[in-house]
């Protein structure tokens, strides 16, 4: 019974109410220069 209620909510969902967002990369890969600097610091 609960599954049928959930499907009703999904079918009546309005995508137009969603806010626009921009994804931002948080975990960037290290560059070759950064790796070399880390090696020299050790």
PDB file of N, CA and C in Angstrom:
ATOM      1  N   UNK A   1       0.815  -1.198   0.000  1.00  0.00           N
ATOM      2  CA  UNK A   1       0.000   0.000   0.000  1.00  0.00           C
ATOM      3  C   UNK A   1       0.863   1.268   0.000  1.00  0.00           C
ATOM      4  N   UNK A   2       1.949   1.253   0.750  1.00  0.00           N
ATOM      5  CA  UNK A   2       2.809   2.436   0.833  1.00  0.00           C
ATOM      6  C   UNK A   2       3.447   2.747  -0.511  1.00  0.00           C
ATOM      7  N   UNK A   3       3.741   1.710  -1.314  1.00  0.00           N
ATOM      8  CA  UNK A   3       4.352   1.929  -2.624  1.00  0.00           C
ATOM      9  C   UNK A   3       3.453   2.727  -3.541  1.00  0.00           C
ATOM     10  N   UNK A   4       2.174   2.482  -3.500  1.00  0.00           N
ATOM     11  CA  UNK A   4       1.245   3.198  -4.370  1.00  0.00           C
ATOM     12  C   UNK A   4       1.170   4.674  -3.996  1.00  0.00           C
ATOM     13  N   UNK A   5       1.250   4.999  -2.719  1.00  0.00           N
ATOM     14  CA  UNK A   5       1.237   6.401  -2.302  1.00  0.00           C
ATOM     15  C   UNK A   5       2.493   7.115  -2.793  1.00  0.00           C
ATOM     16  N   UNK A   6       3.642   6.459  -2.698  1.00  0.00           N
ATOM     17  CA  UNK A   6       4.889   7.067  -3.141  1.00  0.00           C
ATOM     18  C   UNK A   6       4.872   7.334  -4.639  1.00  0.00           C
ATOM     19  N   UNK A   7       4.341   6.426  -5.425  1.00  0.00           N
ATOM     20  CA  UNK A   7       4.271   6.604  -6.877  1.00  0.00           C
ATOM     21  C   UNK A   7       3.374   7.790  -7.220  1.00  0.00           C
ATOM     22  N   UNK A   8       2.329   8.006  -6.465  1.00  0.00           N
ATOM     23  CA  UNK A   8       1.442   9.140  -6.700  1.00  0.00           C
ATOM     24  C   UNK A   8       2.172  10.452  -6.496  1.00  0.00           C
ATOM     25  N   UNK A   9       3.025  10.503  -5.489  1.00  0.00           N
ATOM     26  CA  UNK A   9       3.794  11.721  -5.228  1.00  0.00           C
ATOM     27  C   UNK A   9       4.814  11.964  -6.333  1.00  0.00           C
ATOM     28  N   UNK A  10       5.385  10.896  -6.847  1.00  0.00           N
ATOM     29  CA  UNK A  10       6.389  11.033  -7.910  1.00  0.00           C
ATOM     30  C   UNK A  10       5.743  11.519  -9.199  1.00  0.00           C
ATOM     31  N   UNK A  11       4.608  10.993  -9.549  1.00  0.00           N
ATOM     32  CA  UNK A  11       3.959  11.382 -10.799  1.00  0.00           C
ATOM     33  C   UNK A  11       3.423  12.806 -10.741  1.00  0.00           C
ATOM     34  N   UNK A  12       3.118  13.319  -9.533  1.00  0.00           N
ATOM     35  CA  UNK A  12       2.597  14.683  -9.428  1.00  0.00           C
ATOM     36  C   UNK A  12       3.691  15.702  -9.124  1.00  0.00           C
ATOM     37  N   UNK A  13       4.953  15.271  -9.107  1.00  0.00           N
ATOM     38  CA  UNK A  13       6.072  16.171  -8.800  1.00  0.00           C
ATOM     39  C   UNK A  13       6.273  17.172  -9.933  1.00  0.00           C
ATOM     40  N   UNK A  14       6.477  18.432  -9.584  1.00  0.00           N
ATOM     41  CA  UNK A  14       6.647  19.494 -10.565  1.00  0.00           C
ATOM     42  C   UNK A  14       8.128  19.894 -10.628  1.00  0.00           C
ATOM     43  N   UNK A  15       8.819  19.523 -11.705  1.00  0.00           N
ATOM     44  CA  UNK A  15      10.242  19.839 -11.848  1.00  0.00           C
ATOM     45  C   UNK A  15      10.486  21.330 -12.009  1.00  0.00           C
ATOM     46  N   UNK A  16       9.501  22.090 -12.411  1.00  0.00           N
ATOM     47  CA  UNK A  16       9.661  23.529 -12.619  1.00  0.00           C
ATOM     48  C   UNK A  16       9.917  24.260 -11.303  1.00  0.00           C
ATOM     49  N   UNK A  17       9.558  23.663 -10.173  1.00  0.00           N
ATOM     50  CA  UNK A  17       9.764  24.308  -8.877  1.00  0.00           C
ATOM     51  C   UNK A  17      11.193  24.165  -8.374  1.00  0.00           C
ATOM     52  N   UNK A  18      11.999  23.341  -9.015  1.00  0.00           N
ATOM     53  CA  UNK A  18      13.380  23.144  -8.579  1.00  0.00           C
ATOM     54  C   UNK A  18      14.224  24.374  -8.892  1.00  0.00           C
ATOM     55  N   UNK A  19      15.174  24.669  -8.013  1.00  0.00           N
ATOM     56  CA  UNK A  19      16.073  25.800  -8.229  1.00  0.00           C
ATOM     57  C   UNK A  19      17.243  25.360  -9.099  1.00  0.00           C
ATOM     58  N   UNK A  20      17.734  26.258  -9.930  1.00  0.00           N
ATOM     59  CA  UNK A  20      18.911  25.989 -10.750  1.00  0.00           C
ATOM     60  C   UNK A  20      20.159  26.083  -9.880  1.00  0.00           C
ATOM     61  N   UNK A  21      21.050  25.115 -10.033  1.00  0.00           N
ATOM     62  CA  UNK A  21      22.306  25.132  -9.281  1.00  0.00           C
ATOM     63  C   UNK A  21      23.459  24.831 -10.219  1.00  0.00           C
ATOM     64  N   UNK A  22      24.650  25.246  -9.815  1.00  0.00           N
ATOM     65  CA  UNK A  22      25.850  24.953 -10.587  1.00  0.00           C
ATOM     66  C   UNK A  22      26.743  24.048  -9.755  1.00  0.00           C
ATOM     67  N   UNK A  23      27.205  22.979 -10.346  1.00  0.00           N
ATOM     68  CA  UNK A  23      28.097  22.061  -9.639  1.00  0.00           C
ATOM     69  C   UNK A  23      29.496  22.655  -9.592  1.00  0.00           C
ATOM     70  N   UNK A  24      30.130  22.524  -8.440  1.00  0.00           N
ATOM     71  CA  UNK A  24      31.492  23.018  -8.282  1.00  0.00           C
ATOM     72  C   UNK A  24      32.369  21.844  -7.869  1.00  0.00           C
ATOM     73  N   UNK A  25      33.488  21.695  -8.552  1.00  0.00           N
ATOM     74  CA  UNK A  25      34.413  20.612  -8.243  1.00  0.00           C
ATOM     75  C   UNK A  25      35.174  20.962  -6.970  1.00  0.00           C
ATOM     76  N   UNK A  26      35.099  20.066  -5.979  1.00  0.00           N
ATOM     77  CA  UNK A  26      35.755  20.336  -4.706  1.00  0.00           C
ATOM     78  C   UNK A  26      37.071  19.578  -4.571  1.00  0.00           C
ATOM     79  N   UNK A  27      37.138  18.386  -5.103  1.00  0.00           N
ATOM     80  CA  UNK A  27      38.344  17.573  -4.977  1.00  0.00           C
ATOM     81  C   UNK A  27      39.060  17.540  -6.323  1.00  0.00           C
ATOM     82  N   UNK A  28      39.991  18.437  -6.493  1.00  0.00           N
ATOM     83  CA  UNK A  28      40.730  18.495  -7.754  1.00  0.00           C
ATOM     84  C   UNK A  28      41.949  17.585  -7.673  1.00  0.00           C
ATOM     85  N   UNK A  29      42.392  17.095  -8.793  1.00  0.00           N
ATOM     86  CA  UNK A  29      43.572  16.252  -8.850  1.00  0.00           C
ATOM     87  C   UNK A  29      44.828  17.113  -8.750  1.00  0.00           C
ATOM     88  N   UNK A  30      45.858  16.545  -8.174  1.00  0.00           N
ATOM     89  CA  UNK A  30      47.123  17.266  -8.059  1.00  0.00           C
ATOM     90  C   UNK A  30      47.796  17.366  -9.428  1.00  0.00           C
ATOM     91  N   UNK A  31      48.451  18.477  -9.653  1.00  0.00           N
ATOM     92  CA  UNK A  31      49.206  18.647 -10.895  1.00  0.00           C
ATOM     93  C   UNK A  31      50.592  18.052 -10.711  1.00  0.00           C
ATOM     94  N   UNK A  32      51.269  17.865 -11.807  1.00  0.00           N
ATOM     95  CA  UNK A  32      52.628  17.318 -11.759  1.00  0.00           C
ATOM     96  C   UNK A  32      53.533  18.235 -10.943  1.00  0.00           C
ATOM     97  N   UNK A  33      53.361  19.547 -11.099  1.00  0.00           N
ATOM     98  CA  UNK A  33      54.179  20.510 -10.366  1.00  0.00           C
ATOM     99  C   UNK A  33      53.939  20.411  -8.854  1.00  0.00           C
ATOM    100  N   UNK A  34      52.715  20.231  -8.446  1.00  0.00           N
ATOM    101  CA  UNK A  34      52.392  20.123  -7.027  1.00  0.00           C
ATOM    102  C   UNK A  34      53.022  18.874  -6.429  1.00  0.00           C
ATOM    103  N   UNK A  35      52.978  17.783  -7.155  1.00  0.00           N
ATOM    104  CA  UNK A  35      53.593  16.535  -6.684  1.00  0.00           C
ATOM    105  C   UNK A  35      55.096  16.704  -6.532  1.00  0.00           C
ATOM    106  N   UNK A  36      55.728  17.344  -7.499  1.00  0.00           N
ATOM    107  CA  UNK A  36      57.180  17.581  -7.428  1.00  0.00           C
ATOM    108  C   UNK A  36      57.531  18.470  -6.227  1.00  0.00           C
ATOM    109  N   UNK A  37      56.725  19.485  -5.970  1.00  0.00           N
ATOM    110  CA  UNK A  37      56.978  20.367  -4.831  1.00  0.00           C
ATOM    111  C   UNK A  37      56.850  19.589  -3.522  1.00  0.00           C
ATOM    112  N   UNK A  38      55.873  18.715  -3.431  1.00  0.00           N
ATOM    113  CA  UNK A  38      55.699  17.905  -2.232  1.00  0.00           C
ATOM    114  C   UNK A  38      56.883  16.965  -2.023  1.00  0.00           C
ATOM    115  N   UNK A  39      57.379  16.387  -3.109  1.00  0.00           N
ATOM    116  CA  UNK A  39      58.530  15.485  -3.009  1.00  0.00           C
ATOM    117  C   UNK A  39      59.773  16.230  -2.536  1.00  0.00           C
ATOM    118  N   UNK A  40      59.973  17.448  -3.029  1.00  0.00           N
ATOM    119  CA  UNK A  40      61.140  18.254  -2.650  1.00  0.00           C
ATOM    120  C   UNK A  40      61.048  18.722  -1.195  1.00  0.00           C
ATOM    121  N   UNK A  41      59.829  18.950  -0.726  1.00  0.00           N
ATOM    122  CA  UNK A  41      59.640  19.412   0.651  1.00  0.00           C
ATOM    123  C   UNK A  41      59.970  18.311   1.666  1.00  0.00           C
ATOM    124  N   UNK A  42      59.852  17.063   1.259  1.00  0.00           N
ATOM    125  CA  UNK A  42      60.146  15.964   2.159  1.00  0.00           C
ATOM    126  C   UNK A  42      61.605  15.783   2.216  1.00  0.00           C
TER     127      UNK A  42
END
